[in-house]
Amino acid sequence: MTHLTGNERAQYVQNMFGRIAQRYDLMNRIMTGGQDIAWRRESIGLAKLAPGARLLDLGAGTGDLAREALKQQPAAFAVAADFTVKMMLAGQKYGPLNWSAADALCVPFPDETFDVVVSGYLMRNVSNLPLALSEQRRVLKPGGRIIILDTTRPKRNLLSPFIWLHMHVIIPILGNIIAGASDAYTYLPDSTENFLNAEDLAARMKDAGFKNISFRRKMFGTMAIHYGEK
């Protein structure tokens, strides 16, 4: 389904995440061997949250990044925003959060509202990447930080056949068994392979007006944490 564009792509992604919402976190733990917990912890660490800092977790899913932010800095103010209602409802079982229904292409907050905008597995799903980056920059205060945790297209190496097998065979099988949605977990590897590599995403962030951009690759180069400043 990665060939879809515009509203058609947005509708597909919204429906897909709605169907897998109740098993989303469990599948993340299984697919990454639990490493995604450490990646989220590292991502929030890069935010350098001060007491009273305002953080937006955009495309929050069940709110893992927002909760990690409050764990690391209890005096921060965190908002978890997503455009899939069922994902937000699934996240409520983990405890109270400030939730907001939000489209990453039209973020419903005024200019310069947040000190940090963080996202986990959002950017490869948006139908207009430049607009999504522009919106995140708009709601950031001057000097604010953007952090992007997402899959990235890995470089070819000796492990490439095993990575392909994991992404295209094992993950869809697990998705069918655990979440009852093999198509959703076929979309995952397809969207990864059709997304930008780490260097290209950093270049797009620069084009959007961010500075001091860097990234860290994870899990044999299939994941990356990008960060920069307004």
Protein backbone atom coordinates (compact mmCIF):
# COMPACT_ATOMS: atom_id res chain seq x y z
CA MET A 1 0.00 0.00 0.00
CA THR A 2 3.01 2.30 -0.05
CA HIS A 3 2.00 3.44 -3.56
CA LEU A 4 -0.97 5.33 -2.09
CA THR A 5 -0.70 9.09 -1.80
CA GLY A 6 -2.56 12.03 -0.26
CA ASN A 7 -5.86 11.44 1.50
CA GLU A 8 -6.03 7.84 0.28
CA ARG A 9 -2.74 7.03 2.02
CA ALA A 10 -3.78 8.87 5.18
CA GLN A 11 -7.07 6.97 5.33
CA TYR A 12 -5.34 3.62 4.86
CA VAL A 13 -2.77 4.34 7.58
CA GLN A 14 -5.46 5.53 9.99
CA ASN A 15 -7.60 2.43 9.44
CA MET A 16 -4.59 0.12 9.66
CA PHE A 17 -3.40 1.48 13.01
CA GLY A 18 -6.94 1.38 14.30
CA ARG A 19 -7.09 -2.36 13.59
CA ILE A 20 -3.81 -3.18 15.32
CA ALA A 21 -4.11 -0.73 18.23
CA GLN A 22 -4.71 -3.33 20.94
CA ARG A 23 -1.62 -5.38 19.95
CA TYR A 24 0.58 -2.51 18.76
CA ASP A 25 2.86 -2.28 21.80
CA LEU A 26 3.21 -6.06 22.13
CA MET A 27 4.21 -6.36 18.47
CA ASN A 28 6.79 -3.58 18.88
CA ARG A 29 8.36 -5.41 21.80
CA ILE A 30 8.50 -8.69 19.87
CA MET A 31 9.75 -7.24 16.56
CA THR A 32 12.62 -5.37 18.21
CA GLY A 33 13.43 -7.82 20.98
CA GLY A 34 12.41 -5.13 23.44
CA GLN A 35 15.01 -2.70 22.12
CA ASP A 36 12.37 -0.11 21.22
CA ILE A 37 12.04 0.69 24.93
CA ALA A 38 15.71 1.69 25.07
CA TRP A 39 15.40 3.69 21.84
CA ARG A 40 12.53 5.69 23.26
CA ARG A 41 14.50 6.29 26.46
CA GLU A 42 17.46 7.49 24.40
CA SER A 43 15.25 9.68 22.22
CA ILE A 44 13.80 11.48 25.22
CA GLY A 45 17.26 11.82 26.71
CA LEU A 46 18.24 13.80 23.59
CA ALA A 47 15.39 16.21 24.32
CA LYS A 48 17.30 17.52 27.37
CA LEU A 49 14.04 18.33 29.14
CA ALA A 50 14.17 21.02 31.79
CA PRO A 51 11.54 21.48 34.52
CA GLY A 52 8.49 23.12 32.98
CA ALA A 53 9.47 22.16 29.42
CA ARG A 54 6.58 21.60 27.01
CA LEU A 55 6.81 18.48 24.85
CA LEU A 56 4.61 17.30 21.98
CA ASP A 57 4.62 13.58 21.19
CA LEU A 58 3.28 13.70 17.62
CA GLY A 59 1.85 10.54 16.11
CA ALA A 60 1.99 9.30 19.67
CA GLY A 61 0.19 6.00 19.20
CA THR A 62 -0.35 4.75 22.75
CA GLY A 63 1.81 7.55 24.20
CA ASP A 64 5.05 5.72 25.01
CA LEU A 65 7.30 8.71 24.30
CA ALA A 66 5.14 11.14 26.28
CA ARG A 67 5.16 8.78 29.27
CA GLU A 68 8.93 8.36 29.00
CA ALA A 69 9.28 12.15 28.96
CA LEU A 70 7.33 12.46 32.19
CA LYS A 71 9.35 9.63 33.70
CA GLN A 72 12.62 11.40 32.92
CA GLN A 73 11.34 14.87 33.80
CA PRO A 74 8.20 14.75 36.00
CA ALA A 75 8.03 18.56 36.00
CA ALA A 76 7.61 18.69 32.21
CA PHE A 77 4.27 19.16 30.42
CA ALA A 78 3.67 16.51 27.76
CA VAL A 79 0.94 16.24 25.13
CA ALA A 80 0.37 12.97 23.25
CA ALA A 81 -1.25 13.63 19.86
CA ASP A 82 -2.44 11.14 17.25
CA PHE A 83 -5.02 10.97 14.48
CA THR A 84 -6.13 7.41 15.26
CA VAL A 85 -8.68 7.42 18.06
CA LYS A 86 -8.35 3.68 18.77
CA MET A 87 -4.61 4.08 19.37
CA MET A 88 -5.22 6.83 21.90
CA LEU A 89 -7.94 4.76 23.58
CA ALA A 90 -5.53 1.81 23.80
CA GLY A 91 -2.97 4.09 25.43
CA GLN A 92 -5.34 5.16 28.20
CA LYS A 93 -4.96 1.80 29.94
CA TYR A 94 -1.40 2.78 30.87
CA GLY A 95 -2.50 5.79 32.89
CA PRO A 96 -3.55 9.41 32.40
CA LEU A 97 -1.95 11.63 29.75
CA ASN A 98 -2.83 14.87 28.04
CA TRP A 99 -4.28 13.63 24.73
CA SER A 100 -5.03 15.54 21.55
CA ALA A 101 -6.54 14.41 18.26
CA ALA A 102 -4.11 15.75 15.67
CA ASP A 103 -3.04 15.36 12.06
CA ALA A 104 0.73 15.73 11.60
CA LEU A 105 0.07 17.81 8.47
CA CYS A 106 -2.07 20.32 10.36
CA VAL A 107 -0.94 20.40 13.98
CA PRO A 108 -3.67 22.07 16.10
CA PHE A 109 -1.39 24.26 18.23
CA PRO A 110 -0.21 27.87 17.87
CA ASP A 111 3.23 28.84 16.67
CA GLU A 112 6.11 28.42 19.15
CA THR A 113 4.15 26.39 21.70
CA PHE A 114 6.62 23.58 22.49
CA ASP A 115 10.23 23.21 23.57
CA VAL A 116 10.42 19.71 22.06
CA VAL A 117 8.54 17.82 19.35
CA VAL A 118 9.25 14.10 19.31
CA SER A 119 7.80 11.37 17.12
CA GLY A 120 8.08 7.60 17.03
CA TYR A 121 7.42 5.75 13.77
CA LEU A 122 5.43 8.63 12.33
CA MET A 123 7.43 10.16 9.51
CA ARG A 124 7.50 7.24 7.10
CA ASN A 125 3.69 7.21 7.22
CA VAL A 126 2.92 10.85 6.41
CA SER A 127 1.77 11.67 2.90
CA ASN A 128 3.67 14.98 2.79
CA LEU A 129 7.02 14.86 4.57
CA PRO A 130 8.06 18.51 3.96
CA LEU A 131 4.72 19.73 5.35
CA ALA A 132 5.02 17.47 8.42
CA LEU A 133 8.49 18.83 9.14
CA SER A 134 7.32 22.40 8.55
CA GLU A 135 4.45 21.95 10.99
CA GLN A 136 6.77 20.59 13.66
CA ARG A 137 9.14 23.51 13.17
CA ARG A 138 6.23 25.95 13.34
CA VAL A 139 5.04 24.80 16.77
CA LEU A 140 8.58 24.73 18.20
CA LYS A 141 9.97 27.65 20.14
CA PRO A 142 13.22 29.19 18.85
CA GLY A 143 16.00 26.86 19.92
CA GLY A 144 13.49 24.03 20.39
CA ARG A 145 14.47 20.46 19.58
CA ILE A 146 13.00 17.94 17.15
CA ILE A 147 13.58 14.22 17.68
CA ILE A 148 12.51 11.58 15.15
CA LEU A 149 12.64 7.85 15.94
CA ASP A 150 11.77 5.81 12.87
CA THR A 151 12.74 2.98 10.60
CA THR A 152 15.27 3.78 7.92
CA ARG A 153 16.38 2.06 4.75
CA PRO A 154 19.48 0.07 5.72
CA LYS A 155 22.71 -0.05 3.75
CA ARG A 156 23.54 -3.29 1.97
CA ASN A 157 25.79 -5.55 4.05
CA LEU A 158 26.39 -9.21 4.92
CA LEU A 159 23.31 -9.22 7.14
CA SER A 160 20.98 -7.92 4.39
CA PRO A 161 19.47 -11.36 3.54
CA PHE A 162 18.67 -11.99 7.20
CA ILE A 163 17.20 -8.50 7.60
CA TRP A 164 15.03 -9.10 4.52
CA LEU A 165 13.85 -12.45 5.93
CA HIS A 166 12.98 -10.88 9.28
CA MET A 167 11.09 -7.97 7.71
CA HIS A 168 9.27 -9.74 4.87
CA VAL A 169 8.60 -13.20 6.32
CA ILE A 170 8.85 -13.31 10.11
CA ILE A 171 7.18 -9.97 10.88
CA PRO A 172 4.08 -10.61 8.69
CA ILE A 173 3.69 -14.10 10.20
CA LEU A 174 3.89 -12.68 13.72
CA GLY A 175 1.52 -9.89 12.74
CA ASN A 176 -1.03 -12.45 11.58
CA ILE A 177 -0.69 -14.63 14.68
CA ILE A 178 -0.59 -11.89 17.32
CA ALA A 179 -2.52 -8.99 15.79
CA GLY A 180 -4.58 -10.81 13.16
CA ALA A 181 -3.38 -8.34 10.55
CA SER A 182 -0.63 -9.68 8.32
CA ASP A 183 -1.31 -6.91 5.76
CA ALA A 184 -0.46 -4.25 8.35
CA TYR A 185 2.86 -5.93 9.04
CA THR A 186 3.54 -6.30 5.33
CA TYR A 187 3.11 -2.55 5.10
CA LEU A 188 5.82 -2.07 7.76
CA PRO A 189 8.75 -3.48 5.73
CA ASP A 190 7.40 -1.98 2.53
CA SER A 191 7.14 1.48 4.09
CA THR A 192 10.65 1.11 5.51
CA GLU A 193 12.17 0.20 2.16
CA ASN A 194 10.34 3.02 0.42
CA PHE A 195 11.28 5.59 3.06
CA LEU A 196 14.40 7.76 3.03
CA ASN A 197 17.74 6.56 4.27
CA ALA A 198 19.17 8.29 7.32
CA GLU A 199 21.28 10.76 5.35
CA ASP A 200 18.38 11.81 3.15
CA LEU A 201 16.05 12.38 6.09
CA ALA A 202 18.72 14.56 7.70
CA ALA A 203 18.91 16.53 4.44
CA ARG A 204 15.12 17.00 4.43
CA MET A 205 15.31 18.29 8.00
CA LYS A 206 17.92 20.81 6.90
CA ASP A 207 15.72 21.87 3.97
CA ALA A 208 12.89 22.45 6.46
CA GLY A 209 15.06 24.93 8.37
CA PHE A 210 16.45 22.81 11.19
CA LYS A 211 20.10 23.09 12.25
CA ASN A 212 22.63 21.08 14.28
CA ILE A 213 21.16 17.91 12.79
CA SER A 214 22.57 14.48 13.56
CA PHE A 215 21.37 10.88 13.76
CA ARG A 216 22.17 7.55 15.36
CA ARG A 217 21.55 4.26 13.60
CA LYS A 218 20.12 1.31 15.54
CA MET A 219 19.32 -2.39 14.96
CA PHE A 220 21.73 -3.13 12.10
CA GLY A 221 20.87 0.16 10.43
CA THR A 222 17.12 -0.47 10.17
CA MET A 223 16.24 2.19 12.77
CA ALA A 224 17.52 5.70 13.36
CA ILE A 225 17.10 8.51 15.85
CA HIS A 226 17.38 11.93 14.19
CA TYR A 227 17.61 15.14 16.17
CA GLY A 228 18.07 18.81 15.48
CA GLU A 229 17.12 22.32 16.54
CA LYS A 230 14.97 25.19 15.31
